[in-house]
Each structure stands twice: as C-alpha cells, then as structure tokens.
Amino acid sequence: MMANILVPLIQAIAWVLVIAVIVDVILSYFMQPYDPVRVKLDRIVNIFLDPIRKLLPSNLGLDISPIIFIFIVQILETILISLVTSIG
C-alpha cells in the first residue's frame, strides 16, 4: 500500500530534479546570465550542483557537474524504489 504512494512520488521528484538541471543547462546556451528566469532557475539548481563542483578539479575546462548530478539522482531513485518495494 505504502509503496503505491511512495514509488510514484520518488519517480516524480527525480524527474523534476533531472528536468530542472537539463533546462538550466539548455538555457545557459541561449539566455543571458542576468535574465530573471535564468537567475531563479540557477539559484535552485546550484543548490544541488555546487557541492559536486567543489569536489571536481577546477582545471577540467568543462562543467560536468550536471551529468554527475543526474547520474546520482538516477542511482538514488533506483535504490529508494528498491527499498520501498522490498519493505512494502
């Protein structure tokens, strides 16, 4: 019973996080950094990406933190769904 509620919730949260990061990356190519939409989305997304950026070497020349974040979200989603379905 609880799994019927938690699994879609976990999937929805993971989906929203991944889409937010993808949209932020795409907008960074087309919008100015000071555009209000981009500023607000950057504030939200950077909460998740900044800790990853601090762990990566600064001389890479390419920001791969969104890719790593999406990978982590997918792993956590799989683990959480497995735990929820095994318990309930």
N, C-alpha and C. Protein backbone atom coordinates (compact mmCIF):
# COMPACT_ATOMS: atom_id res chain seq x y z
N MET A 1 0.83 -1.20 0.00
CA MET A 1 0.00 0.00 0.00
C MET A 1 0.87 1.26 0.00
N MET A 2 1.83 1.32 0.94
CA MET A 2 2.70 2.49 1.03
C MET A 2 3.57 2.61 -0.22
N ALA A 3 3.98 1.49 -0.79
CA ALA A 3 4.80 1.51 -2.00
C ALA A 3 4.04 2.12 -3.16
N ASN A 4 2.73 1.94 -3.20
CA ASN A 4 1.92 2.50 -4.28
C ASN A 4 1.93 4.03 -4.26
N ILE A 5 2.17 4.59 -3.11
CA ILE A 5 2.23 6.05 -2.99
C ILE A 5 3.67 6.55 -3.14
N LEU A 6 4.61 5.86 -2.51
CA LEU A 6 5.99 6.34 -2.47
C LEU A 6 6.73 6.19 -3.79
N VAL A 7 6.51 5.11 -4.51
CA VAL A 7 7.24 4.90 -5.76
C VAL A 7 6.95 6.01 -6.77
N PRO A 8 5.68 6.35 -7.05
CA PRO A 8 5.45 7.46 -7.98
C PRO A 8 5.98 8.80 -7.45
N LEU A 9 5.95 8.99 -6.13
CA LEU A 9 6.47 10.22 -5.55
C LEU A 9 7.98 10.32 -5.76
N ILE A 10 8.68 9.24 -5.50
CA ILE A 10 10.13 9.21 -5.72
C ILE A 10 10.46 9.46 -7.19
N GLN A 11 9.72 8.82 -8.08
CA GLN A 11 9.94 9.00 -9.51
C GLN A 11 9.66 10.44 -9.94
N ALA A 12 8.62 11.04 -9.39
CA ALA A 12 8.28 12.41 -9.76
C ALA A 12 9.34 13.39 -9.28
N ILE A 13 9.83 13.21 -8.07
CA ILE A 13 10.86 14.10 -7.54
C ILE A 13 12.14 13.97 -8.37
N ALA A 14 12.52 12.75 -8.69
CA ALA A 14 13.73 12.53 -9.51
C ALA A 14 13.56 13.16 -10.88
N TRP A 15 12.38 13.01 -11.46
CA TRP A 15 12.11 13.56 -12.79
C TRP A 15 12.20 15.09 -12.76
N VAL A 16 11.61 15.72 -11.75
CA VAL A 16 11.64 17.18 -11.64
C VAL A 16 13.08 17.68 -11.49
N LEU A 17 13.87 17.01 -10.67
CA LEU A 17 15.26 17.42 -10.47
C LEU A 17 16.07 17.31 -11.77
N VAL A 18 15.90 16.20 -12.46
CA VAL A 18 16.64 15.99 -13.71
C VAL A 18 16.21 17.00 -14.77
N ILE A 19 14.92 17.22 -14.91
CA ILE A 19 14.43 18.18 -15.91
C ILE A 19 14.91 19.59 -15.58
N ALA A 20 14.90 19.96 -14.30
CA ALA A 20 15.36 21.30 -13.91
C ALA A 20 16.82 21.51 -14.30
N VAL A 21 17.64 20.50 -14.09
CA VAL A 21 19.06 20.62 -14.44
C VAL A 21 19.23 20.69 -15.95
N ILE A 22 18.52 19.87 -16.68
CA ILE A 22 18.62 19.88 -18.15
C ILE A 22 18.16 21.23 -18.71
N VAL A 23 17.04 21.74 -18.22
CA VAL A 23 16.54 23.04 -18.68
C VAL A 23 17.54 24.14 -18.36
N ASP A 24 18.13 24.09 -17.17
CA ASP A 24 19.12 25.09 -16.79
C ASP A 24 20.33 25.06 -17.72
N VAL A 25 20.79 23.88 -18.05
CA VAL A 25 21.94 23.75 -18.96
C VAL A 25 21.58 24.29 -20.34
N ILE A 26 20.41 23.94 -20.84
CA ILE A 26 20.00 24.42 -22.18
C ILE A 26 19.83 25.94 -22.18
N LEU A 27 19.19 26.48 -21.14
CA LEU A 27 19.01 27.93 -21.07
C LEU A 27 20.33 28.67 -20.97
N SER A 28 21.34 28.05 -20.40
CA SER A 28 22.63 28.72 -20.27
C SER A 28 23.27 28.99 -21.64
N TYR A 29 22.84 28.26 -22.66
CA TYR A 29 23.35 28.48 -24.00
C TYR A 29 22.60 29.58 -24.75
N PHE A 30 21.34 29.83 -24.36
CA PHE A 30 20.50 30.74 -25.14
C PHE A 30 20.11 32.01 -24.41
N MET A 31 20.19 32.04 -23.09
CA MET A 31 19.77 33.21 -22.33
C MET A 31 20.97 33.90 -21.69
N GLN A 32 20.82 35.19 -21.52
CA GLN A 32 21.84 35.95 -20.81
C GLN A 32 21.86 35.53 -19.34
N PRO A 33 23.01 35.56 -18.69
CA PRO A 33 23.10 35.13 -17.29
C PRO A 33 22.25 35.96 -16.33
N TYR A 34 21.91 37.19 -16.69
CA TYR A 34 21.15 38.06 -15.81
C TYR A 34 19.65 38.05 -16.10
N ASP A 35 19.20 37.21 -17.02
CA ASP A 35 17.77 37.08 -17.30
C ASP A 35 17.06 36.56 -16.04
N PRO A 36 15.93 37.16 -15.65
CA PRO A 36 15.26 36.77 -14.40
C PRO A 36 14.89 35.28 -14.31
N VAL A 37 14.48 34.70 -15.41
CA VAL A 37 14.13 33.28 -15.40
C VAL A 37 15.36 32.44 -15.12
N ARG A 38 16.42 32.79 -15.79
CA ARG A 38 17.65 32.03 -15.62
C ARG A 38 18.24 32.22 -14.22
N VAL A 39 18.17 33.42 -13.69
CA VAL A 39 18.69 33.68 -12.35
C VAL A 39 17.95 32.82 -11.31
N LYS A 40 16.63 32.77 -11.41
CA LYS A 40 15.85 31.98 -10.45
C LYS A 40 16.13 30.50 -10.59
N LEU A 41 16.20 30.01 -11.82
CA LEU A 41 16.48 28.59 -12.02
C LEU A 41 17.90 28.24 -11.58
N ASP A 42 18.85 29.13 -11.84
CA ASP A 42 20.24 28.90 -11.38
C ASP A 42 20.32 28.79 -9.87
N ARG A 43 19.56 29.64 -9.17
CA ARG A 43 19.58 29.58 -7.70
C ARG A 43 19.12 28.22 -7.20
N ILE A 44 18.09 27.68 -7.83
CA ILE A 44 17.55 26.38 -7.40
C ILE A 44 18.53 25.26 -7.75
N VAL A 45 18.99 25.25 -8.98
CA VAL A 45 19.84 24.16 -9.46
C VAL A 45 21.22 24.19 -8.79
N ASN A 46 21.74 25.38 -8.55
CA ASN A 46 23.08 25.48 -7.95
C ASN A 46 23.13 24.94 -6.53
N ILE A 47 22.00 24.87 -5.85
CA ILE A 47 21.96 24.24 -4.53
C ILE A 47 22.45 22.80 -4.62
N PHE A 48 22.11 22.13 -5.70
CA PHE A 48 22.49 20.73 -5.89
C PHE A 48 23.84 20.57 -6.59
N LEU A 49 24.16 21.49 -7.49
CA LEU A 49 25.38 21.34 -8.29
C LEU A 49 26.63 21.87 -7.60
N ASP A 50 26.50 22.89 -6.77
CA ASP A 50 27.68 23.48 -6.13
C ASP A 50 28.49 22.49 -5.29
N PRO A 51 27.86 21.62 -4.49
CA PRO A 51 28.68 20.65 -3.74
C PRO A 51 29.46 19.71 -4.66
N ILE A 52 28.89 19.36 -5.80
CA ILE A 52 29.59 18.50 -6.75
C ILE A 52 30.75 19.27 -7.38
N ARG A 53 30.51 20.53 -7.71
CA ARG A 53 31.56 21.36 -8.31
C ARG A 53 32.75 21.53 -7.38
N LYS A 54 32.48 21.59 -6.07
CA LYS A 54 33.58 21.73 -5.11
C LYS A 54 34.46 20.49 -5.06
N LEU A 55 33.90 19.33 -5.39
CA LEU A 55 34.67 18.09 -5.36
C LEU A 55 35.47 17.87 -6.64
N LEU A 56 35.07 18.51 -7.72
CA LEU A 56 35.74 18.31 -9.01
C LEU A 56 36.94 19.24 -9.14
N PRO A 57 37.96 18.80 -9.86
CA PRO A 57 39.10 19.69 -10.11
C PRO A 57 38.65 20.89 -10.95
N SER A 58 39.19 22.05 -10.62
CA SER A 58 38.75 23.28 -11.31
C SER A 58 39.40 23.45 -12.68
N ASN A 59 40.37 22.65 -13.01
CA ASN A 59 41.07 22.81 -14.28
C ASN A 59 40.55 21.90 -15.38
N LEU A 60 39.34 21.36 -15.23
CA LEU A 60 38.79 20.49 -16.26
C LEU A 60 38.43 21.25 -17.54
N GLY A 61 38.00 22.48 -17.40
CA GLY A 61 37.60 23.26 -18.56
C GLY A 61 36.19 22.99 -19.01
N LEU A 62 35.53 22.04 -18.40
CA LEU A 62 34.17 21.68 -18.75
C LEU A 62 33.42 21.34 -17.47
N ASP A 63 32.23 21.89 -17.33
CA ASP A 63 31.44 21.64 -16.12
C ASP A 63 30.64 20.36 -16.32
N ILE A 64 31.09 19.29 -15.69
CA ILE A 64 30.39 18.01 -15.82
C ILE A 64 29.51 17.72 -14.60
N SER A 65 29.36 18.73 -13.73
CA SER A 65 28.54 18.52 -12.53
C SER A 65 27.08 18.17 -12.85
N PRO A 66 26.45 18.73 -13.90
CA PRO A 66 25.09 18.30 -14.21
C PRO A 66 24.98 16.82 -14.56
N ILE A 67 25.97 16.32 -15.28
CA ILE A 67 25.97 14.90 -15.66
C ILE A 67 26.12 14.03 -14.42
N ILE A 68 27.02 14.41 -13.55
CA ILE A 68 27.23 13.65 -12.31
C ILE A 68 25.99 13.70 -11.44
N PHE A 69 25.36 14.89 -11.34
CA PHE A 69 24.15 15.03 -10.54
C PHE A 69 23.03 14.13 -11.07
N ILE A 70 22.83 14.13 -12.37
CA ILE A 70 21.78 13.29 -12.97
C ILE A 70 22.07 11.82 -12.69
N PHE A 71 23.32 11.43 -12.80
CA PHE A 71 23.73 10.06 -12.51
C PHE A 71 23.42 9.70 -11.05
N ILE A 72 23.73 10.60 -10.12
CA ILE A 72 23.46 10.37 -8.70
C ILE A 72 21.96 10.27 -8.44
N VAL A 73 21.19 11.14 -9.06
CA VAL A 73 19.74 11.11 -8.88
C VAL A 73 19.17 9.77 -9.37
N GLN A 74 19.65 9.30 -10.50
CA GLN A 74 19.16 8.03 -11.03
C GLN A 74 19.52 6.86 -10.11
N ILE A 75 20.71 6.88 -9.58
CA ILE A 75 21.13 5.82 -8.65
C ILE A 75 20.28 5.86 -7.38
N LEU A 76 20.12 7.06 -6.82
CA LEU A 76 19.31 7.18 -5.60
C LEU A 76 17.86 6.78 -5.83
N GLU A 77 17.33 7.15 -6.99
CA GLU A 77 15.95 6.75 -7.32
C GLU A 77 15.83 5.23 -7.35
N THR A 78 16.75 4.57 -7.98
CA THR A 78 16.73 3.11 -8.06
C THR A 78 16.84 2.48 -6.68
N ILE A 79 17.75 2.98 -5.88
CA ILE A 79 17.94 2.43 -4.53
C ILE A 79 16.69 2.65 -3.68
N LEU A 80 16.15 3.87 -3.70
CA LEU A 80 14.97 4.15 -2.89
C LEU A 80 13.75 3.33 -3.32
N ILE A 81 13.56 3.18 -4.61
CA ILE A 81 12.44 2.38 -5.09
C ILE A 81 12.62 0.93 -4.70
N SER A 82 13.84 0.42 -4.79
CA SER A 82 14.10 -0.96 -4.37
C SER A 82 13.81 -1.15 -2.89
N LEU A 83 14.23 -0.18 -2.08
CA LEU A 83 13.97 -0.27 -0.64
C LEU A 83 12.47 -0.22 -0.33
N VAL A 84 11.77 0.68 -0.97
CA VAL A 84 10.33 0.84 -0.73
C VAL A 84 9.57 -0.41 -1.15
N THR A 85 9.92 -0.95 -2.31
CA THR A 85 9.19 -2.13 -2.79
C THR A 85 9.54 -3.38 -1.98
N SER A 86 10.75 -3.46 -1.45
CA SER A 86 11.11 -4.63 -0.66
C SER A 86 10.48 -4.59 0.73
N ILE A 87 10.28 -3.39 1.25
CA ILE A 87 9.66 -3.25 2.57
C ILE A 87 8.15 -3.45 2.50
N GLY A 88 7.54 -2.83 1.50
CA GLY A 88 6.08 -2.88 1.45
C GLY A 88 5.61 -3.67 0.31
